[in-house]
């Protein structure tokens, strides 16, 4: 659920989403088709954990502990 929230967070701001797509190489059509897959959700959380300011903004907006995000990523990657 956290990863889905993170994807929605990125999608709320066109610049955030565009940066995610550019850095991951994922095409928008692919994102739409595979949005709920573990690979895409892991890519979203990985993107957040790679940018501390983005991670902290997401955590504050969702009232999640910042340290819970890398833990969720680890679960998706298992």
PDB file of N, CA and C in Angstrom:
ATOM      1  N   UNK A   1       0.823  -1.186   0.000  1.00  0.00           N
ATOM      2  CA  UNK A   1       0.000   0.000   0.000  1.00  0.00           C
ATOM      3  C   UNK A   1       0.876   1.262   0.000  1.00  0.00           C
ATOM      4  N   UNK A   2       1.959   1.236   0.746  1.00  0.00           N
ATOM      5  CA  UNK A   2       2.841   2.399   0.798  1.00  0.00           C
ATOM      6  C   UNK A   2       3.389   2.723  -0.587  1.00  0.00           C
ATOM      7  N   UNK A   3       3.758   1.701  -1.347  1.00  0.00           N
ATOM      8  CA  UNK A   3       4.305   1.939  -2.682  1.00  0.00           C
ATOM      9  C   UNK A   3       3.256   2.542  -3.602  1.00  0.00           C
ATOM     10  N   UNK A   4       2.020   2.121  -3.469  1.00  0.00           N
ATOM     11  CA  UNK A   4       0.938   2.706  -4.261  1.00  0.00           C
ATOM     12  C   UNK A   4       0.736   4.175  -3.878  1.00  0.00           C
ATOM     13  N   UNK A   5       0.846   4.480  -2.596  1.00  0.00           N
ATOM     14  CA  UNK A   5       0.773   5.867  -2.143  1.00  0.00           C
ATOM     15  C   UNK A   5       1.924   6.677  -2.729  1.00  0.00           C
ATOM     16  N   UNK A   6       3.096   6.070  -2.785  1.00  0.00           N
ATOM     17  CA  UNK A   6       4.265   6.757  -3.326  1.00  0.00           C
ATOM     18  C   UNK A   6       4.096   7.042  -4.816  1.00  0.00           C
ATOM     19  N   UNK A   7       3.521   6.097  -5.543  1.00  0.00           N
ATOM     20  CA  UNK A   7       3.263   6.322  -6.960  1.00  0.00           C
ATOM     21  C   UNK A   7       2.260   7.454  -7.148  1.00  0.00           C
ATOM     22  N   UNK A   8       1.216   7.469  -6.339  1.00  0.00           N
ATOM     23  CA  UNK A   8       0.230   8.558  -6.411  1.00  0.00           C
ATOM     24  C   UNK A   8       0.891   9.894  -6.070  1.00  0.00           C
ATOM     25  N   UNK A   9       1.775   9.889  -5.102  1.00  0.00           N
ATOM     26  CA  UNK A   9       2.516  11.097  -4.719  1.00  0.00           C
ATOM     27  C   UNK A   9       3.324  11.628  -5.900  1.00  0.00           C
ATOM     28  N   UNK A  10       4.023  10.742  -6.595  1.00  0.00           N
ATOM     29  CA  UNK A  10       4.797  11.168  -7.756  1.00  0.00           C
ATOM     30  C   UNK A  10       3.885  11.686  -8.866  1.00  0.00           C
ATOM     31  N   UNK A  11       2.762  11.024  -9.065  1.00  0.00           N
ATOM     32  CA  UNK A  11       1.851  11.386 -10.151  1.00  0.00           C
ATOM     33  C   UNK A  11       1.144  12.721  -9.910  1.00  0.00           C
ATOM     34  N   UNK A  12       1.064  13.159  -8.665  1.00  0.00           N
ATOM     35  CA  UNK A  12       0.401  14.432  -8.348  1.00  0.00           C
ATOM     36  C   UNK A  12       1.127  15.624  -8.938  1.00  0.00           C
ATOM     37  N   UNK A  13       2.418  15.504  -9.110  1.00  0.00           N
ATOM     38  CA  UNK A  13       3.245  16.600  -9.623  1.00  0.00           C
ATOM     39  C   UNK A  13       3.890  16.153 -10.932  1.00  0.00           C
ATOM     40  N   UNK A  14       3.522  16.763 -12.055  1.00  0.00           N
ATOM     41  CA  UNK A  14       4.094  16.346 -13.338  1.00  0.00           C
ATOM     42  C   UNK A  14       5.624  16.337 -13.354  1.00  0.00           C
ATOM     43  N   UNK A  15       6.251  17.280 -12.676  1.00  0.00           N
ATOM     44  CA  UNK A  15       7.718  17.318 -12.659  1.00  0.00           C
ATOM     45  C   UNK A  15       8.298  16.128 -11.900  1.00  0.00           C
ATOM     46  N   UNK A  16       7.653  15.757 -10.802  1.00  0.00           N
ATOM     47  CA  UNK A  16       8.115  14.586 -10.049  1.00  0.00           C
ATOM     48  C   UNK A  16       8.004  13.328 -10.896  1.00  0.00           C
ATOM     49  N   UNK A  17       6.859  13.178 -11.552  1.00  0.00           N
ATOM     50  CA  UNK A  17       6.637  11.989 -12.366  1.00  0.00           C
ATOM     51  C   UNK A  17       7.609  11.958 -13.543  1.00  0.00           C
ATOM     52  N   UNK A  18       7.802  13.092 -14.179  1.00  0.00           N
ATOM     53  CA  UNK A  18       8.718  13.158 -15.323  1.00  0.00           C
ATOM     54  C   UNK A  18      10.140  12.797 -14.902  1.00  0.00           C
ATOM     55  N   UNK A  19      10.555  13.255 -13.748  1.00  0.00           N
ATOM     56  CA  UNK A  19      11.901  12.937 -13.259  1.00  0.00           C
ATOM     57  C   UNK A  19      12.024  11.444 -12.971  1.00  0.00           C
ATOM     58  N   UNK A  20      11.006  10.864 -12.355  1.00  0.00           N
ATOM     59  CA  UNK A  20      10.995   9.426 -12.089  1.00  0.00           C
ATOM     60  C   UNK A  20      11.116   8.648 -13.396  1.00  0.00           C
ATOM     61  N   UNK A  21      10.315   9.008 -14.377  1.00  0.00           N
ATOM     62  CA  UNK A  21      10.347   8.305 -15.663  1.00  0.00           C
ATOM     63  C   UNK A  21      11.713   8.448 -16.335  1.00  0.00           C
ATOM     64  N   UNK A  22      12.258   9.647 -16.301  1.00  0.00           N
ATOM     65  CA  UNK A  22      13.553   9.887 -16.939  1.00  0.00           C
ATOM     66  C   UNK A  22      14.676   9.100 -16.261  1.00  0.00           C
ATOM     67  N   UNK A  23      14.672   9.075 -14.950  1.00  0.00           N
ATOM     68  CA  UNK A  23      15.758   8.399 -14.227  1.00  0.00           C
ATOM     69  C   UNK A  23      15.649   6.880 -14.281  1.00  0.00           C
ATOM     70  N   UNK A  24      14.429   6.370 -14.370  1.00  0.00           N
ATOM     71  CA  UNK A  24      14.259   4.915 -14.385  1.00  0.00           C
ATOM     72  C   UNK A  24      14.216   4.339 -15.792  1.00  0.00           C
ATOM     73  N   UNK A  25      13.923   5.191 -16.765  1.00  0.00           N
ATOM     74  CA  UNK A  25      13.788   4.701 -18.137  1.00  0.00           C
ATOM     75  C   UNK A  25      12.461   4.044 -18.412  1.00  0.00           C
ATOM     76  N   UNK A  26      11.562   4.125 -17.476  1.00  0.00           N
ATOM     77  CA  UNK A  26      10.228   3.553 -17.658  1.00  0.00           C
ATOM     78  C   UNK A  26       9.404   4.519 -18.509  1.00  0.00           C
ATOM     79  N   UNK A  27       8.706   3.981 -19.483  1.00  0.00           N
ATOM     80  CA  UNK A  27       7.825   4.795 -20.321  1.00  0.00           C
ATOM     81  C   UNK A  27       6.485   4.955 -19.619  1.00  0.00           C
ATOM     82  N   UNK A  28       5.798   6.054 -19.897  1.00  0.00           N
ATOM     83  CA  UNK A  28       4.507   6.318 -19.269  1.00  0.00           C
ATOM     84  C   UNK A  28       3.509   5.202 -19.554  1.00  0.00           C
ATOM     85  N   UNK A  29       3.472   4.712 -20.784  1.00  0.00           N
ATOM     86  CA  UNK A  29       2.549   3.623 -21.132  1.00  0.00           C
ATOM     87  C   UNK A  29       2.850   2.369 -20.320  1.00  0.00           C
ATOM     88  N   UNK A  30       4.133   2.072 -20.148  1.00  0.00           N
ATOM     89  CA  UNK A  30       4.531   0.913 -19.344  1.00  0.00           C
ATOM     90  C   UNK A  30       4.113   1.112 -17.889  1.00  0.00           C
ATOM     91  N   UNK A  31       4.279   2.320 -17.388  1.00  0.00           N
ATOM     92  CA  UNK A  31       3.887   2.616 -16.015  1.00  0.00           C
ATOM     93  C   UNK A  31       2.395   2.385 -15.828  1.00  0.00           C
ATOM     94  N   UNK A  32       1.618   2.841 -16.772  1.00  0.00           N
ATOM     95  CA  UNK A  32       0.164   2.646 -16.684  1.00  0.00           C
ATOM     96  C   UNK A  32      -0.209   1.168 -16.703  1.00  0.00           C
ATOM     97  N   UNK A  33       0.453   0.400 -17.555  1.00  0.00           N
ATOM     98  CA  UNK A  33       0.142  -1.030 -17.692  1.00  0.00           C
ATOM     99  C   UNK A  33       0.574  -1.847 -16.483  1.00  0.00           C
ATOM    100  N   UNK A  34       1.702  -1.468 -15.891  1.00  0.00           N
ATOM    101  CA  UNK A  34       2.316  -2.296 -14.854  1.00  0.00           C
ATOM    102  C   UNK A  34       2.360  -1.624 -13.487  1.00  0.00           C
ATOM    103  N   UNK A  35       1.518  -0.644 -13.264  1.00  0.00           N
ATOM    104  CA  UNK A  35       1.578   0.171 -12.046  1.00  0.00           C
ATOM    105  C   UNK A  35       1.520  -0.640 -10.756  1.00  0.00           C
ATOM    106  N   UNK A  36       0.814  -1.723 -10.730  1.00  0.00           N
ATOM    107  CA  UNK A  36       0.671  -2.488  -9.497  1.00  0.00           C
ATOM    108  C   UNK A  36       1.643  -3.638  -9.337  1.00  0.00           C
ATOM    109  N   UNK A  37       2.564  -3.780 -10.262  1.00  0.00           N
ATOM    110  CA  UNK A  37       3.506  -4.907 -10.175  1.00  0.00           C
ATOM    111  C   UNK A  37       4.605  -4.621  -9.156  1.00  0.00           C
ATOM    112  N   UNK A  38       5.121  -5.669  -8.560  1.00  0.00           N
ATOM    113  CA  UNK A  38       6.201  -5.465  -7.582  1.00  0.00           C
ATOM    114  C   UNK A  38       7.405  -4.728  -8.161  1.00  0.00           C
ATOM    115  N   UNK A  39       7.727  -4.956  -9.421  1.00  0.00           N
ATOM    116  CA  UNK A  39       8.885  -4.304 -10.035  1.00  0.00           C
ATOM    117  C   UNK A  39       8.697  -2.791 -10.120  1.00  0.00           C
ATOM    118  N   UNK A  40       7.537  -2.369 -10.548  1.00  0.00           N
ATOM    119  CA  UNK A  40       7.271  -0.933 -10.669  1.00  0.00           C
ATOM    120  C   UNK A  40       7.189  -0.302  -9.283  1.00  0.00           C
ATOM    121  N   UNK A  41       6.498  -0.955  -8.369  1.00  0.00           N
ATOM    122  CA  UNK A  41       6.369  -0.408  -7.019  1.00  0.00           C
ATOM    123  C   UNK A  41       7.725  -0.319  -6.331  1.00  0.00           C
ATOM    124  N   UNK A  42       8.578  -1.309  -6.566  1.00  0.00           N
ATOM    125  CA  UNK A  42       9.932  -1.256  -6.008  1.00  0.00           C
ATOM    126  C   UNK A  42      10.724  -0.114  -6.636  1.00  0.00           C
ATOM    127  N   UNK A  43      10.542   0.108  -7.930  1.00  0.00           N
ATOM    128  CA  UNK A  43      11.233   1.219  -8.600  1.00  0.00           C
ATOM    129  C   UNK A  43      10.803   2.560  -8.012  1.00  0.00           C
ATOM    130  N   UNK A  44       9.533   2.681  -7.684  1.00  0.00           N
ATOM    131  CA  UNK A  44       9.020   3.917  -7.093  1.00  0.00           C
ATOM    132  C   UNK A  44       9.656   4.150  -5.725  1.00  0.00           C
ATOM    133  N   UNK A  45       9.655   3.129  -4.888  1.00  0.00           N
ATOM    134  CA  UNK A  45      10.244   3.283  -3.557  1.00  0.00           C
ATOM    135  C   UNK A  45      11.750   3.484  -3.630  1.00  0.00           C
ATOM    136  N   UNK A  46      12.394   2.827  -4.562  1.00  0.00           N
ATOM    137  CA  UNK A  46      13.826   3.023  -4.748  1.00  0.00           C
ATOM    138  C   UNK A  46      14.123   4.461  -5.159  1.00  0.00           C
ATOM    139  N   UNK A  47      13.294   4.993  -6.018  1.00  0.00           N
ATOM    140  CA  UNK A  47      13.443   6.383  -6.445  1.00  0.00           C
ATOM    141  C   UNK A  47      13.321   7.326  -5.244  1.00  0.00           C
ATOM    142  N   UNK A  48      12.347   7.080  -4.394  1.00  0.00           N
ATOM    143  CA  UNK A  48      12.172   7.931  -3.216  1.00  0.00           C
ATOM    144  C   UNK A  48      13.365   7.826  -2.272  1.00  0.00           C
ATOM    145  N   UNK A  49      13.843   6.622  -2.054  1.00  0.00           N
ATOM    146  CA  UNK A  49      14.949   6.458  -1.114  1.00  0.00           C
ATOM    147  C   UNK A  49      16.247   7.041  -1.659  1.00  0.00           C
ATOM    148  N   UNK A  50      16.316   7.253  -2.965  1.00  0.00           N
ATOM    149  CA  UNK A  50      17.499   7.844  -3.562  1.00  0.00           C
ATOM    150  C   UNK A  50      17.525   9.360  -3.535  1.00  0.00           C
ATOM    151  N   UNK A  51      16.453   9.963  -3.055  1.00  0.00           N
ATOM    152  CA  UNK A  51      16.353  11.427  -3.011  1.00  0.00           C
ATOM    153  C   UNK A  51      15.793  11.809  -1.643  1.00  0.00           C
ATOM    154  N   UNK A  52      16.688  12.173  -0.736  1.00  0.00           N
ATOM    155  CA  UNK A  52      16.283  12.402   0.655  1.00  0.00           C
ATOM    156  C   UNK A  52      15.201  13.465   0.798  1.00  0.00           C
ATOM    157  N   UNK A  53      15.309  14.558   0.066  1.00  0.00           N
ATOM    158  CA  UNK A  53      14.293  15.611   0.205  1.00  0.00           C
ATOM    159  C   UNK A  53      12.932  15.125  -0.290  1.00  0.00           C
ATOM    160  N   UNK A  54      12.924  14.357  -1.369  1.00  0.00           N
ATOM    161  CA  UNK A  54      11.673  13.798  -1.879  1.00  0.00           C
ATOM    162  C   UNK A  54      11.109  12.786  -0.888  1.00  0.00           C
ATOM    163  N   UNK A  55      11.983  11.967  -0.336  1.00  0.00           N
ATOM    164  CA  UNK A  55      11.574  10.980   0.666  1.00  0.00           C
ATOM    165  C   UNK A  55      10.937  11.655   1.872  1.00  0.00           C
ATOM    166  N   UNK A  56      11.570  12.708   2.366  1.00  0.00           N
ATOM    167  CA  UNK A  56      11.046  13.401   3.545  1.00  0.00           C
ATOM    168  C   UNK A  56       9.730  14.117   3.236  1.00  0.00           C
ATOM    169  N   UNK A  57       9.601  14.655   2.040  1.00  0.00           N
ATOM    170  CA  UNK A  57       8.344  15.300   1.647  1.00  0.00           C
ATOM    171  C   UNK A  57       7.227  14.269   1.589  1.00  0.00           C
ATOM    172  N   UNK A  58       7.496  13.131   0.973  1.00  0.00           N
ATOM    173  CA  UNK A  58       6.507  12.057   0.904  1.00  0.00           C
ATOM    174  C   UNK A  58       6.121  11.584   2.302  1.00  0.00           C
ATOM    175  N   UNK A  59       7.110  11.357   3.137  1.00  0.00           N
ATOM    176  CA  UNK A  59       6.847  10.884   4.496  1.00  0.00           C
ATOM    177  C   UNK A  59       5.995  11.887   5.269  1.00  0.00           C
ATOM    178  N   UNK A  60       6.287  13.157   5.127  1.00  0.00           N
ATOM    179  CA  UNK A  60       5.523  14.187   5.834  1.00  0.00           C
ATOM    180  C   UNK A  60       4.089  14.260   5.321  1.00  0.00           C
ATOM    181  N   UNK A  61       3.916  14.192   4.009  1.00  0.00           N
ATOM    182  CA  UNK A  61       2.571  14.283   3.434  1.00  0.00           C
ATOM    183  C   UNK A  61       1.708  13.077   3.776  1.00  0.00           C
ATOM    184  N   UNK A  62       2.331  11.927   3.936  1.00  0.00           N
ATOM    185  CA  UNK A  62       1.570  10.707   4.221  1.00  0.00           C
ATOM    186  C   UNK A  62       1.603  10.321   5.697  1.00  0.00           C
ATOM    187  N   UNK A  63       2.326  11.091   6.474  1.00  0.00           N
ATOM    188  CA  UNK A  63       2.487  10.837   7.904  1.00  0.00           C
ATOM    189  C   UNK A  63       3.076   9.454   8.183  1.00  0.00           C
ATOM    190  N   UNK A  64       4.023   9.080   7.332  1.00  0.00           N
ATOM    191  CA  UNK A  64       4.744   7.825   7.510  1.00  0.00           C
ATOM    192  C   UNK A  64       6.137   8.135   8.042  1.00  0.00           C
ATOM    193  N   UNK A  65       6.683   7.212   8.774  1.00  0.00           N
ATOM    194  CA  UNK A  65       8.057   7.366   9.249  1.00  0.00           C
ATOM    195  C   UNK A  65       9.002   7.177   8.064  1.00  0.00           C
ATOM    196  N   UNK A  66       9.929   8.099   7.853  1.00  0.00           N
ATOM    197  CA  UNK A  66      10.842   7.964   6.708  1.00  0.00           C
ATOM    198  C   UNK A  66      11.578   6.626   6.667  1.00  0.00           C
ATOM    199  N   UNK A  67      11.922   6.091   7.833  1.00  0.00           N
ATOM    200  CA  UNK A  67      12.652   4.825   7.864  1.00  0.00           C
ATOM    201  C   UNK A  67      11.799   3.621   7.467  1.00  0.00           C
ATOM    202  N   UNK A  68      10.482   3.803   7.418  1.00  0.00           N
ATOM    203  CA  UNK A  68       9.615   2.695   7.005  1.00  0.00           C
ATOM    204  C   UNK A  68       9.658   2.482   5.489  1.00  0.00           C
ATOM    205  N   UNK A  69      10.090   3.462   4.751  1.00  0.00           N
ATOM    206  CA  UNK A  69      10.084   3.367   3.290  1.00  0.00           C
ATOM    207  C   UNK A  69      11.175   2.409   2.795  1.00  0.00           C
ATOM    208  N   UNK A  70      12.419   2.534   3.233  1.00  0.00           N
ATOM    209  CA  UNK A  70      13.406   1.523   2.817  1.00  0.00           C
ATOM    210  C   UNK A  70      13.027   0.113   3.282  1.00  0.00           C
ATOM    211  N   UNK A  71      12.379  -0.003   4.423  1.00  0.00           N
ATOM    212  CA  UNK A  71      11.950  -1.317   4.901  1.00  0.00           C
ATOM    213  C   UNK A  71      10.894  -1.905   3.957  1.00  0.00           C
ATOM    214  N   UNK A  72       9.972  -1.069   3.480  1.00  0.00           N
ATOM    215  CA  UNK A  72       8.962  -1.533   2.526  1.00  0.00           C
ATOM    216  C   UNK A  72       9.608  -1.930   1.208  1.00  0.00           C
ATOM    217  N   UNK A  73      10.610  -1.180   0.795  1.00  0.00           N
ATOM    218  CA  UNK A  73      11.339  -1.507  -0.424  1.00  0.00           C
ATOM    219  C   UNK A  73      12.006  -2.886  -0.294  1.00  0.00           C
ATOM    220  N   UNK A  74      12.611  -3.132   0.823  1.00  0.00           N
ATOM    221  CA  UNK A  74      13.264  -4.419   1.055  1.00  0.00           C
ATOM    222  C   UNK A  74      12.267  -5.575   0.953  1.00  0.00           C
ATOM    223  N   UNK A  75      11.059  -5.375   1.445  1.00  0.00           N
ATOM    224  CA  UNK A  75      10.029  -6.413   1.352  1.00  0.00           C
ATOM    225  C   UNK A  75       9.644  -6.682  -0.100  1.00  0.00           C
ATOM    226  N   UNK A  76       9.549  -5.622  -0.901  1.00  0.00           N
ATOM    227  CA  UNK A  76       9.196  -5.788  -2.310  1.00  0.00           C
ATOM    228  C   UNK A  76      10.312  -6.486  -3.086  1.00  0.00           C
ATOM    229  N   UNK A  77      11.528  -6.297  -2.679  1.00  0.00           N
ATOM    230  CA  UNK A  77      12.661  -6.873  -3.402  1.00  0.00           C
ATOM    231  C   UNK A  77      12.953  -8.310  -3.017  1.00  0.00           C
ATOM    232  N   UNK A  78      12.339  -8.799  -1.968  1.00  0.00           N
ATOM    233  CA  UNK A  78      12.546 -10.211  -1.551  1.00  0.00           C
ATOM    234  C   UNK A  78      11.820 -11.176  -2.447  1.00  0.00           C
TER     235      UNK A  78
END
